[in-house]
Amino acid sequence: SGQETVLKLLEPGAFFGEVVLIEQGSYPVSAVAIQDSRVLRIPCGPFM
């Protein structure tokens, strides 16, 4: 119906989206910056 359920508001230091390491498919959640933010993007291949 379009209603959002927030699972968490992340603070600096938190990792997210790592489920793709295991399922290697699609993200099961959405991630949006609600403040100006900076993230480290970690590709799955080298990390594995």
All heavy atoms as atom14 arrays in JSON, in Angstrom:
{
  "sequence": "SGQETVLKLLEPGAFFGEVVLIEQGSYPVSAVAIQDSRVLRIPCGPFM",
  "atom14_mask": [
    [1, 1, 1, 1, 1, 1, 0, 0, 0, 0, 0, 0, 0, 0],
    [1, 1, 1, 1, 0, 0, 0, 0, 0, 0, 0, 0, 0, 0],
    [1, 1, 1, 1, 1, 1, 1, 1, 1, 0, 0, 0, 0, 0],
    [1, 1, 1, 1, 1, 1, 1, 1, 1, 0, 0, 0, 0, 0],
    [1, 1, 1, 1, 1, 1, 1, 0, 0, 0, 0, 0, 0, 0],
    [1, 1, 1, 1, 1, 1, 1, 0, 0, 0, 0, 0, 0, 0],
    [1, 1, 1, 1, 1, 1, 1, 1, 0, 0, 0, 0, 0, 0],
    [1, 1, 1, 1, 1, 1, 1, 1, 1, 0, 0, 0, 0, 0],
    [1, 1, 1, 1, 1, 1, 1, 1, 0, 0, 0, 0, 0, 0],
    [1, 1, 1, 1, 1, 1, 1, 1, 0, 0, 0, 0, 0, 0],
    [1, 1, 1, 1, 1, 1, 1, 1, 1, 0, 0, 0, 0, 0],
    [1, 1, 1, 1, 1, 1, 1, 0, 0, 0, 0, 0, 0, 0],
    [1, 1, 1, 1, 0, 0, 0, 0, 0, 0, 0, 0, 0, 0],
    [1, 1, 1, 1, 1, 0, 0, 0, 0, 0, 0, 0, 0, 0],
    [1, 1, 1, 1, 1, 1, 1, 1, 1, 1, 1, 0, 0, 0],
    [1, 1, 1, 1, 1, 1, 1, 1, 1, 1, 1, 0, 0, 0],
    [1, 1, 1, 1, 0, 0, 0, 0, 0, 0, 0, 0, 0, 0],
    [1, 1, 1, 1, 1, 1, 1, 1, 1, 0, 0, 0, 0, 0],
    [1, 1, 1, 1, 1, 1, 1, 0, 0, 0, 0, 0, 0, 0],
    [1, 1, 1, 1, 1, 1, 1, 0, 0, 0, 0, 0, 0, 0],
    [1, 1, 1, 1, 1, 1, 1, 1, 0, 0, 0, 0, 0, 0],
    [1, 1, 1, 1, 1, 1, 1, 1, 0, 0, 0, 0, 0, 0],
    [1, 1, 1, 1, 1, 1, 1, 1, 1, 0, 0, 0, 0, 0],
    [1, 1, 1, 1, 1, 1, 1, 1, 1, 0, 0, 0, 0, 0],
    [1, 1, 1, 1, 0, 0, 0, 0, 0, 0, 0, 0, 0, 0],
    [1, 1, 1, 1, 1, 1, 0, 0, 0, 0, 0, 0, 0, 0],
    [1, 1, 1, 1, 1, 1, 1, 1, 1, 1, 1, 1, 0, 0],
    [1, 1, 1, 1, 1, 1, 1, 0, 0, 0, 0, 0, 0, 0],
    [1, 1, 1, 1, 1, 1, 1, 0, 0, 0, 0, 0, 0, 0],
    [1, 1, 1, 1, 1, 1, 0, 0, 0, 0, 0, 0, 0, 0],
    [1, 1, 1, 1, 1, 0, 0, 0, 0, 0, 0, 0, 0, 0],
    [1, 1, 1, 1, 1, 1, 1, 0, 0, 0, 0, 0, 0, 0],
    [1, 1, 1, 1, 1, 0, 0, 0, 0, 0, 0, 0, 0, 0],
    [1, 1, 1, 1, 1, 1, 1, 1, 0, 0, 0, 0, 0, 0],
    [1, 1, 1, 1, 1, 1, 1, 1, 1, 0, 0, 0, 0, 0],
    [1, 1, 1, 1, 1, 1, 1, 1, 0, 0, 0, 0, 0, 0],
    [1, 1, 1, 1, 1, 1, 0, 0, 0, 0, 0, 0, 0, 0],
    [1, 1, 1, 1, 1, 1, 1, 1, 1, 1, 1, 0, 0, 0],
    [1, 1, 1, 1, 1, 1, 1, 0, 0, 0, 0, 0, 0, 0],
    [1, 1, 1, 1, 1, 1, 1, 1, 0, 0, 0, 0, 0, 0],
    [1, 1, 1, 1, 1, 1, 1, 1, 1, 1, 1, 0, 0, 0],
    [1, 1, 1, 1, 1, 1, 1, 1, 0, 0, 0, 0, 0, 0],
    [1, 1, 1, 1, 1, 1, 1, 0, 0, 0, 0, 0, 0, 0],
    [1, 1, 1, 1, 1, 1, 0, 0, 0, 0, 0, 0, 0, 0],
    [1, 1, 1, 1, 0, 0, 0, 0, 0, 0, 0, 0, 0, 0],
    [1, 1, 1, 1, 1, 1, 1, 0, 0, 0, 0, 0, 0, 0],
    [1, 1, 1, 1, 1, 1, 1, 1, 1, 1, 1, 0, 0, 0],
    [1, 1, 1, 1, 1, 1, 1, 1, 0, 0, 0, 0, 0, 0]
  ],
  "atom14_positions": [
    [[0.82, -1.22, 0.0], [0.0, 0.0, 0.0], [0.85, 1.27, 0.0], [0.33, 2.38, -0.08], [-0.93, 0.01, 1.22], [-0.16, 0.07, 2.43], [0.0, 0.0, 0.0], [0.0, 0.0, 0.0], [0.0, 0.0, 0.0], [0.0, 0.0, 0.0], [0.0, 0.0, 0.0], [0.0, 0.0, 0.0], [0.0, 0.0, 0.0], [0.0, 0.0, 0.0]],
    [[2.17, 1.09, 0.1], [3.06, 2.24, 0.05], [3.52, 2.75, 1.4], [4.28, 3.71, 1.48], [0.0, 0.0, 0.0], [0.0, 0.0, 0.0], [0.0, 0.0, 0.0], [0.0, 0.0, 0.0], [0.0, 0.0, 0.0], [0.0, 0.0, 0.0], [0.0, 0.0, 0.0], [0.0, 0.0, 0.0], [0.0, 0.0, 0.0], [0.0, 0.0, 0.0]],
    [[3.11, 2.12, 2.5], [3.52, 2.58, 3.84], [4.92, 2.09, 4.16], [5.26, 0.93, 3.93], [2.55, 2.09, 4.91], [2.93, 2.57, 6.32], [1.92, 2.15, 7.36], [0.78, 1.84, 7.04], [2.33, 2.15, 8.62], [0.0, 0.0, 0.0], [0.0, 0.0, 0.0], [0.0, 0.0, 0.0], [0.0, 0.0, 0.0], [0.0, 0.0, 0.0]],
    [[5.74, 2.99, 4.69], [7.1, 2.66, 5.06], [7.14, 2.11, 6.49], [6.46, 2.6, 7.37], [8.01, 3.89, 5.0], [8.27, 4.41, 3.61], [9.21, 5.61, 3.64], [9.69, 5.97, 4.74], [9.45, 6.2, 2.58], [0.0, 0.0, 0.0], [0.0, 0.0, 0.0], [0.0, 0.0, 0.0], [0.0, 0.0, 0.0], [0.0, 0.0, 0.0]],
    [[7.96, 1.08, 6.68], [8.31, 0.62, 8.02], [9.81, 0.76, 8.16], [10.58, 0.1, 7.45], [7.91, -0.85, 8.25], [6.49, -0.97, 8.15], [8.35, -1.32, 9.64], [0.0, 0.0, 0.0], [0.0, 0.0, 0.0], [0.0, 0.0, 0.0], [0.0, 0.0, 0.0], [0.0, 0.0, 0.0], [0.0, 0.0, 0.0], [0.0, 0.0, 0.0]],
    [[10.22, 1.68, 9.03], [11.66, 1.91, 9.21], [12.24, 0.82, 10.1], [11.76, 0.57, 11.2], [11.91, 3.3, 9.84], [13.38, 3.48, 10.18], [11.46, 4.39, 8.89], [0.0, 0.0, 0.0], [0.0, 0.0, 0.0], [0.0, 0.0, 0.0], [0.0, 0.0, 0.0], [0.0, 0.0, 0.0], [0.0, 0.0, 0.0], [0.0, 0.0, 0.0]],
    [[13.28, 0.17, 9.59], [13.96, -0.86, 10.37], [15.03, -0.25, 11.26], [15.25, -0.7, 12.38], [14.59, -1.9, 9.44], [13.6, -2.62, 8.51], [14.34, -3.59, 7.61], [12.54, -3.34, 9.33], [0.0, 0.0, 0.0], [0.0, 0.0, 0.0], [0.0, 0.0, 0.0], [0.0, 0.0, 0.0], [0.0, 0.0, 0.0], [0.0, 0.0, 0.0]],
    [[15.68, 0.8, 10.76], [16.7, 1.44, 11.57], [17.13, 2.77, 10.94], [17.13, 2.91, 9.72], [17.92, 0.53, 11.71], [18.88, 0.95, 12.82], [19.9, -0.13, 13.13], [20.7, 0.21, 14.37], [21.68, -0.85, 14.7], [0.0, 0.0, 0.0], [0.0, 0.0, 0.0], [0.0, 0.0, 0.0], [0.0, 0.0, 0.0], [0.0, 0.0, 0.0]],
    [[17.47, 3.72, 11.8], [18.16, 4.93, 11.37], [19.63, 4.72, 11.72], [19.99, 4.62, 12.89], [17.61, 6.17, 12.08], [16.16, 6.54, 11.78], [15.78, 7.81, 12.55], [15.93, 6.74, 10.3], [0.0, 0.0, 0.0], [0.0, 0.0, 0.0], [0.0, 0.0, 0.0], [0.0, 0.0, 0.0], [0.0, 0.0, 0.0], [0.0, 0.0, 0.0]],
    [[20.45, 4.61, 10.71], [21.85, 4.25, 10.92], [22.68, 5.45, 11.32], [22.47, 6.57, 10.85], [22.44, 3.65, 9.64], [21.76, 2.39, 9.11], [22.45, 1.94, 7.83], [21.78, 1.27, 10.15], [0.0, 0.0, 0.0], [0.0, 0.0, 0.0], [0.0, 0.0, 0.0], [0.0, 0.0, 0.0], [0.0, 0.0, 0.0], [0.0, 0.0, 0.0]],
    [[23.63, 5.22, 12.2], [24.59, 6.22, 12.62], [25.96, 5.86, 12.08], [26.2, 4.71, 11.69], [24.6, 6.34, 14.14], [23.25, 6.79, 14.71], [23.27, 6.92, 16.21], [24.28, 6.51, 16.83], [22.28, 7.43, 16.77], [0.0, 0.0, 0.0], [0.0, 0.0, 0.0], [0.0, 0.0, 0.0], [0.0, 0.0, 0.0], [0.0, 0.0, 0.0]],
    [[26.9, 6.83, 12.02], [28.23, 6.55, 11.48], [28.87, 5.31, 12.1], [28.78, 5.07, 13.3], [29.01, 7.82, 11.81], [27.96, 8.9, 11.77], [26.74, 8.26, 12.37], [0.0, 0.0, 0.0], [0.0, 0.0, 0.0], [0.0, 0.0, 0.0], [0.0, 0.0, 0.0], [0.0, 0.0, 0.0], [0.0, 0.0, 0.0], [0.0, 0.0, 0.0]],
    [[29.49, 4.52, 11.24], [30.12, 3.28, 11.66], [29.34, 2.04, 11.26], [29.89, 0.95, 11.19], [0.0, 0.0, 0.0], [0.0, 0.0, 0.0], [0.0, 0.0, 0.0], [0.0, 0.0, 0.0], [0.0, 0.0, 0.0], [0.0, 0.0, 0.0], [0.0, 0.0, 0.0], [0.0, 0.0, 0.0], [0.0, 0.0, 0.0], [0.0, 0.0, 0.0]],
    [[28.03, 2.22, 11.0], [27.17, 1.07, 10.71], [27.37, 0.58, 9.28], [27.54, 1.37, 8.34], [25.71, 1.45, 10.93], [0.0, 0.0, 0.0], [0.0, 0.0, 0.0], [0.0, 0.0, 0.0], [0.0, 0.0, 0.0], [0.0, 0.0, 0.0], [0.0, 0.0, 0.0], [0.0, 0.0, 0.0], [0.0, 0.0, 0.0], [0.0, 0.0, 0.0]],
    [[27.31, -0.75, 9.11], [27.32, -1.36, 7.8], [25.88, -1.65, 7.37], [25.02, -1.92, 8.21], [28.1, -2.68, 7.82], [29.58, -2.51, 8.02], [30.12, -2.5, 9.29], [30.41, -2.35, 6.93], [31.49, -2.34, 9.48], [31.78, -2.19, 7.11], [32.32, -2.19, 8.39], [0.0, 0.0, 0.0], [0.0, 0.0, 0.0], [0.0, 0.0, 0.0]],
    [[25.62, -1.64, 6.06], [24.29, -1.97, 5.57], [24.37, -2.49, 4.14], [25.32, -2.2, 3.42], [23.34, -0.78, 5.67], [23.77, 0.45, 4.91], [23.18, 0.77, 3.69], [24.74, 1.31, 5.41], [23.56, 1.91, 2.98], [25.13, 2.45, 4.72], [24.54, 2.75, 3.5], [0.0, 0.0, 0.0], [0.0, 0.0, 0.0], [0.0, 0.0, 0.0]],
    [[23.34, -3.28, 3.78], [23.31, -3.87, 2.44], [24.14, -5.12, 2.3], [24.25, -5.68, 1.21], [0.0, 0.0, 0.0], [0.0, 0.0, 0.0], [0.0, 0.0, 0.0], [0.0, 0.0, 0.0], [0.0, 0.0, 0.0], [0.0, 0.0, 0.0], [0.0, 0.0, 0.0], [0.0, 0.0, 0.0], [0.0, 0.0, 0.0], [0.0, 0.0, 0.0]],
    [[24.72, -5.61, 3.42], [25.64, -6.74, 3.32], [24.95, -8.07, 3.01], [25.62, -9.07, 2.73], [26.48, -6.88, 4.6], [25.73, -7.32, 5.84], [25.0, -6.18, 6.52], [25.02, -5.04, 6.02], [24.39, -6.45, 7.56], [0.0, 0.0, 0.0], [0.0, 0.0, 0.0], [0.0, 0.0, 0.0], [0.0, 0.0, 0.0], [0.0, 0.0, 0.0]],
    [[23.61, -8.08, 3.01], [22.91, -9.33, 2.67], [23.25, -9.79, 1.26], [23.19, -10.99, 0.97], [21.38, -9.14, 2.84], [20.83, -8.21, 1.76], [20.66, -10.48, 2.8], [0.0, 0.0, 0.0], [0.0, 0.0, 0.0], [0.0, 0.0, 0.0], [0.0, 0.0, 0.0], [0.0, 0.0, 0.0], [0.0, 0.0, 0.0], [0.0, 0.0, 0.0]],
    [[23.64, -8.87, 0.37], [23.98, -9.28, -1.0], [25.24, -10.13, -1.04], [25.5, -10.8, -2.05], [24.11, -8.06, -1.95], [22.79, -7.33, -2.08], [25.21, -7.11, -1.46], [0.0, 0.0, 0.0], [0.0, 0.0, 0.0], [0.0, 0.0, 0.0], [0.0, 0.0, 0.0], [0.0, 0.0, 0.0], [0.0, 0.0, 0.0], [0.0, 0.0, 0.0]],
    [[26.02, -10.12, 0.03], [27.18, -11.01, 0.09], [26.74, -12.47, 0.13], [27.42, -13.35, -0.39], [28.01, -10.72, 1.35], [28.89, -9.46, 1.35], [29.39, -9.2, 2.75], [30.04, -9.63, 0.37], [0.0, 0.0, 0.0], [0.0, 0.0, 0.0], [0.0, 0.0, 0.0], [0.0, 0.0, 0.0], [0.0, 0.0, 0.0], [0.0, 0.0, 0.0]],
    [[25.59, -12.71, 0.77], [25.12, -14.08, 0.97], [24.15, -14.49, -0.14], [24.28, -15.54, -0.75], [24.44, -14.2, 2.34], [25.45, -13.82, 3.44], [23.91, -15.61, 2.56], [24.84, -13.66, 4.81], [0.0, 0.0, 0.0], [0.0, 0.0, 0.0], [0.0, 0.0, 0.0], [0.0, 0.0, 0.0], [0.0, 0.0, 0.0], [0.0, 0.0, 0.0]],
    [[23.17, -13.62, -0.38], [22.15, -13.96, -1.38], [22.62, -13.64, -2.79], [22.15, -14.22, -3.76], [20.86, -13.2, -1.07], [20.24, -13.61, 0.26], [18.89, -12.96, 0.49], [18.49, -12.1, -0.31], [18.24, -13.3, 1.49], [0.0, 0.0, 0.0], [0.0, 0.0, 0.0], [0.0, 0.0, 0.0], [0.0, 0.0, 0.0], [0.0, 0.0, 0.0]],
    [[23.55, -12.68, -2.91], [24.11, -12.29, -4.21], [23.0, -12.03, -5.23], [23.05, -12.48, -6.37], [25.08, -13.36, -4.71], [26.28, -13.55, -3.81], [27.26, -14.57, -4.32], [27.0, -15.23, -5.32], [28.38, -14.72, -3.66], [0.0, 0.0, 0.0], [0.0, 0.0, 0.0], [0.0, 0.0, 0.0], [0.0, 0.0, 0.0], [0.0, 0.0, 0.0]],
    [[22.02, -11.32, -4.78], [20.9, -11.02, -5.66], [20.47, -9.58, -5.54], [21.1, -8.68, -6.1], [0.0, 0.0, 0.0], [0.0, 0.0, 0.0], [0.0, 0.0, 0.0], [0.0, 0.0, 0.0], [0.0, 0.0, 0.0], [0.0, 0.0, 0.0], [0.0, 0.0, 0.0], [0.0, 0.0, 0.0], [0.0, 0.0, 0.0], [0.0, 0.0, 0.0]],
    [[19.41, -9.34, -4.78], [18.86, -8.0, -4.67], [18.78, -7.56, -3.21], [18.81, -8.39, -2.29], [17.46, -7.96, -5.3], [16.6, -8.88, -4.66], [0.0, 0.0, 0.0], [0.0, 0.0, 0.0], [0.0, 0.0, 0.0], [0.0, 0.0, 0.0], [0.0, 0.0, 0.0], [0.0, 0.0, 0.0], [0.0, 0.0, 0.0], [0.0, 0.0, 0.0]],
    [[18.69, -6.26, -3.03], [18.56, -5.7, -1.69], [17.14, -5.94, -1.17], [16.17, -5.64, -1.88], [18.84, -4.2, -1.7], [20.26, -3.85, -2.1], [20.53, -3.28, -3.35], [21.33, -4.07, -1.24], [21.82, -2.96, -3.72], [22.63, -3.75, -1.61], [22.86, -3.19, -2.84], [24.15, -2.87, -3.21], [0.0, 0.0, 0.0], [0.0, 0.0, 0.0]],
    [[16.97, -6.44, 0.05], [15.64, -6.7, 0.59], [15.01, -5.48, 1.24], [13.87, -5.54, 1.69], [15.9, -7.8, 1.63], [17.28, -7.49, 2.13], [18.04, -6.97, 0.93], [0.0, 0.0, 0.0], [0.0, 0.0, 0.0], [0.0, 0.0, 0.0], [0.0, 0.0, 0.0], [0.0, 0.0, 0.0], [0.0, 0.0, 0.0], [0.0, 0.0, 0.0]],
    [[15.74, -4.38, 1.3], [15.27, -3.14, 1.92], [15.7, -1.97, 1.05], [16.43, -2.13, 0.08], [15.83, -2.97, 3.35], [15.34, -4.08, 4.27], [17.38, -2.95, 3.31], [0.0, 0.0, 0.0], [0.0, 0.0, 0.0], [0.0, 0.0, 0.0], [0.0, 0.0, 0.0], [0.0, 0.0, 0.0], [0.0, 0.0, 0.0], [0.0, 0.0, 0.0]],
    [[15.24, -0.78, 1.44], [15.66, 0.45, 0.77], [16.55, 1.26, 1.71], [16.44, 1.15, 2.93], [14.45, 1.29, 0.36], [13.6, 0.58, -0.52], [0.0, 0.0, 0.0], [0.0, 0.0, 0.0], [0.0, 0.0, 0.0], [0.0, 0.0, 0.0], [0.0, 0.0, 0.0], [0.0, 0.0, 0.0], [0.0, 0.0, 0.0], [0.0, 0.0, 0.0]],
    [[17.42, 2.08, 1.14], [18.31, 2.92, 1.93], [18.31, 4.33, 1.33], [18.61, 4.51, 0.14], [19.73, 2.36, 1.93], [0.0, 0.0, 0.0], [0.0, 0.0, 0.0], [0.0, 0.0, 0.0], [0.0, 0.0, 0.0], [0.0, 0.0, 0.0], [0.0, 0.0, 0.0], [0.0, 0.0, 0.0], [0.0, 0.0, 0.0], [0.0, 0.0, 0.0]],
    [[17.98, 5.31, 2.17], [17.91, 6.71, 1.73], [18.62, 7.58, 2.76], [18.47, 7.38, 3.98], [16.43, 7.17, 1.6], [16.36, 8.66, 1.31], [15.74, 6.4, 0.5], [0.0, 0.0, 0.0], [0.0, 0.0, 0.0], [0.0, 0.0, 0.0], [0.0, 0.0, 0.0], [0.0, 0.0, 0.0], [0.0, 0.0, 0.0], [0.0, 0.0, 0.0]],
    [[19.38, 8.55, 2.28], [20.04, 9.5, 3.18], [19.01, 10.53, 3.65], [18.36, 11.18, 2.83], [21.19, 10.2, 2.46], [0.0, 0.0, 0.0], [0.0, 0.0, 0.0], [0.0, 0.0, 0.0], [0.0, 0.0, 0.0], [0.0, 0.0, 0.0], [0.0, 0.0, 0.0], [0.0, 0.0, 0.0], [0.0, 0.0, 0.0], [0.0, 0.0, 0.0]],
    [[18.85, 10.67, 4.96], [17.92, 11.68, 5.46], [18.67, 12.92, 5.98], [18.05, 13.87, 6.44], [16.97, 11.12, 6.54], [17.74, 10.56, 7.72], [16.09, 10.04, 5.94], [16.83, 10.13, 8.86], [0.0, 0.0, 0.0], [0.0, 0.0, 0.0], [0.0, 0.0, 0.0], [0.0, 0.0, 0.0], [0.0, 0.0, 0.0], [0.0, 0.0, 0.0]],
    [[19.98, 12.87, 5.9], [20.84, 14.03, 6.1], [21.96, 13.93, 5.07], [22.19, 12.85, 4.5], [21.45, 14.03, 7.51], [20.45, 14.18, 8.64], [21.13, 14.09, 9.99], [22.12, 13.39, 10.15], [20.59, 14.77, 10.98], [0.0, 0.0, 0.0], [0.0, 0.0, 0.0], [0.0, 0.0, 0.0], [0.0, 0.0, 0.0], [0.0, 0.0, 0.0]],
    [[22.65, 15.02, 4.81], [23.83, 14.93, 3.95], [24.76, 13.89, 4.56], [25.12, 13.97, 5.75], [24.54, 16.27, 3.87], [23.74, 17.3, 3.08], [22.84, 16.89, 2.34], [24.02, 18.51, 3.22], [0.0, 0.0, 0.0], [0.0, 0.0, 0.0], [0.0, 0.0, 0.0], [0.0, 0.0, 0.0], [0.0, 0.0, 0.0], [0.0, 0.0, 0.0]],
    [[25.13, 12.91, 3.78], [25.87, 11.77, 4.31], [27.05, 11.4, 3.41], [27.16, 11.84, 2.27], [24.94, 10.54, 4.46], [23.85, 10.83, 5.3], [0.0, 0.0, 0.0], [0.0, 0.0, 0.0], [0.0, 0.0, 0.0], [0.0, 0.0, 0.0], [0.0, 0.0, 0.0], [0.0, 0.0, 0.0], [0.0, 0.0, 0.0], [0.0, 0.0, 0.0]],
    [[27.89, 10.55, 3.97], [29.06, 10.05, 3.25], [29.17, 8.57, 3.55], [29.12, 8.18, 4.73], [30.3, 10.79, 3.7], [31.53, 10.65, 2.83], [32.64, 11.47, 3.44], [33.81, 11.56, 2.58], [35.06, 11.65, 3.02], [35.3, 11.66, 4.32], [36.06, 11.74, 2.18], [0.0, 0.0, 0.0], [0.0, 0.0, 0.0], [0.0, 0.0, 0.0]],
    [[29.3, 7.74, 2.53], [29.37, 6.3, 2.75], [30.58, 5.71, 2.06], [31.12, 6.28, 1.09], [28.09, 5.58, 2.26], [26.85, 6.14, 2.93], [27.96, 5.66, 0.73], [0.0, 0.0, 0.0], [0.0, 0.0, 0.0], [0.0, 0.0, 0.0], [0.0, 0.0, 0.0], [0.0, 0.0, 0.0], [0.0, 0.0, 0.0], [0.0, 0.0, 0.0]],
    [[31.0, 4.57, 2.56], [32.05, 3.78, 1.94], [31.37, 2.66, 1.16], [30.61, 1.88, 1.73], [32.97, 3.19, 3.01], [34.08, 2.25, 2.53], [35.09, 3.01, 1.68], [34.76, 1.59, 3.72], [0.0, 0.0, 0.0], [0.0, 0.0, 0.0], [0.0, 0.0, 0.0], [0.0, 0.0, 0.0], [0.0, 0.0, 0.0], [0.0, 0.0, 0.0]],
    [[31.61, 2.61, -0.15], [31.04, 1.55, -0.99], [32.06, 0.42, -1.1], [33.2, 0.62, -1.52], [30.71, 2.08, -2.38], [30.01, 1.06, -3.28], [29.76, 1.63, -4.67], [28.98, 0.71, -5.49], [29.51, -0.33, -6.16], [30.83, -0.55, -6.11], [28.73, -1.12, -6.88], [0.0, 0.0, 0.0], [0.0, 0.0, 0.0], [0.0, 0.0, 0.0]],
    [[31.62, -0.79, -0.69], [32.51, -1.95, -0.64], [32.01, -3.01, -1.61], [30.97, -3.64, -1.37], [32.56, -2.53, 0.79], [32.89, -1.44, 1.81], [33.57, -3.68, 0.87], [32.72, -1.86, 3.25], [0.0, 0.0, 0.0], [0.0, 0.0, 0.0], [0.0, 0.0, 0.0], [0.0, 0.0, 0.0], [0.0, 0.0, 0.0], [0.0, 0.0, 0.0]],
    [[32.68, -3.24, -2.72], [32.22, -4.25, -3.69], [32.33, -5.66, -3.11], [33.27, -5.97, -2.37], [33.15, -4.04, -4.89], [34.35, -3.37, -4.33], [33.9, -2.55, -3.18], [0.0, 0.0, 0.0], [0.0, 0.0, 0.0], [0.0, 0.0, 0.0], [0.0, 0.0, 0.0], [0.0, 0.0, 0.0], [0.0, 0.0, 0.0], [0.0, 0.0, 0.0]],
    [[31.38, -6.5, -3.46], [31.3, -7.84, -2.86], [32.47, -8.74, -3.25], [32.99, -9.48, -2.41], [30.0, -8.51, -3.27], [28.52, -7.71, -2.61], [0.0, 0.0, 0.0], [0.0, 0.0, 0.0], [0.0, 0.0, 0.0], [0.0, 0.0, 0.0], [0.0, 0.0, 0.0], [0.0, 0.0, 0.0], [0.0, 0.0, 0.0], [0.0, 0.0, 0.0]],
    [[32.9, -8.7, -4.52], [33.93, -9.61, -5.0], [35.2, -9.58, -4.18], [35.61, -10.6, -3.59], [0.0, 0.0, 0.0], [0.0, 0.0, 0.0], [0.0, 0.0, 0.0], [0.0, 0.0, 0.0], [0.0, 0.0, 0.0], [0.0, 0.0, 0.0], [0.0, 0.0, 0.0], [0.0, 0.0, 0.0], [0.0, 0.0, 0.0], [0.0, 0.0, 0.0]],
    [[35.88, -8.42, -4.09], [37.11, -8.36, -3.31], [36.88, -8.68, -1.83], [37.74, -9.29, -1.19], [37.56, -6.9, -3.49], [36.94, -6.48, -4.78], [35.62, -7.18, -4.82], [0.0, 0.0, 0.0], [0.0, 0.0, 0.0], [0.0, 0.0, 0.0], [0.0, 0.0, 0.0], [0.0, 0.0, 0.0], [0.0, 0.0, 0.0], [0.0, 0.0, 0.0]],
    [[35.73, -8.29, -1.3], [35.47, -8.54, 0.11], [35.34, -10.03, 0.4], [35.82, -10.51, 1.44], [34.21, -7.8, 0.55], [33.97, -7.85, 2.04], [34.59, -6.95, 2.88], [33.13, -8.8, 2.59], [34.39, -7.0, 4.25], [32.92, -8.86, 3.96], [33.55, -7.95, 4.79], [0.0, 0.0, 0.0], [0.0, 0.0, 0.0], [0.0, 0.0, 0.0]],
    [[34.7, -10.77, -0.49], [34.51, -12.2, -0.27], [35.84, -12.92, -0.13], [35.96, -13.89, 0.64], [33.7, -12.8, -1.41], [32.23, -12.41, -1.41], [31.34, -13.02, 0.03], [31.27, -14.78, -0.33], [0.0, 0.0, 0.0], [0.0, 0.0, 0.0], [0.0, 0.0, 0.0], [0.0, 0.0, 0.0], [0.0, 0.0, 0.0], [0.0, 0.0, 0.0]]
  ]
}
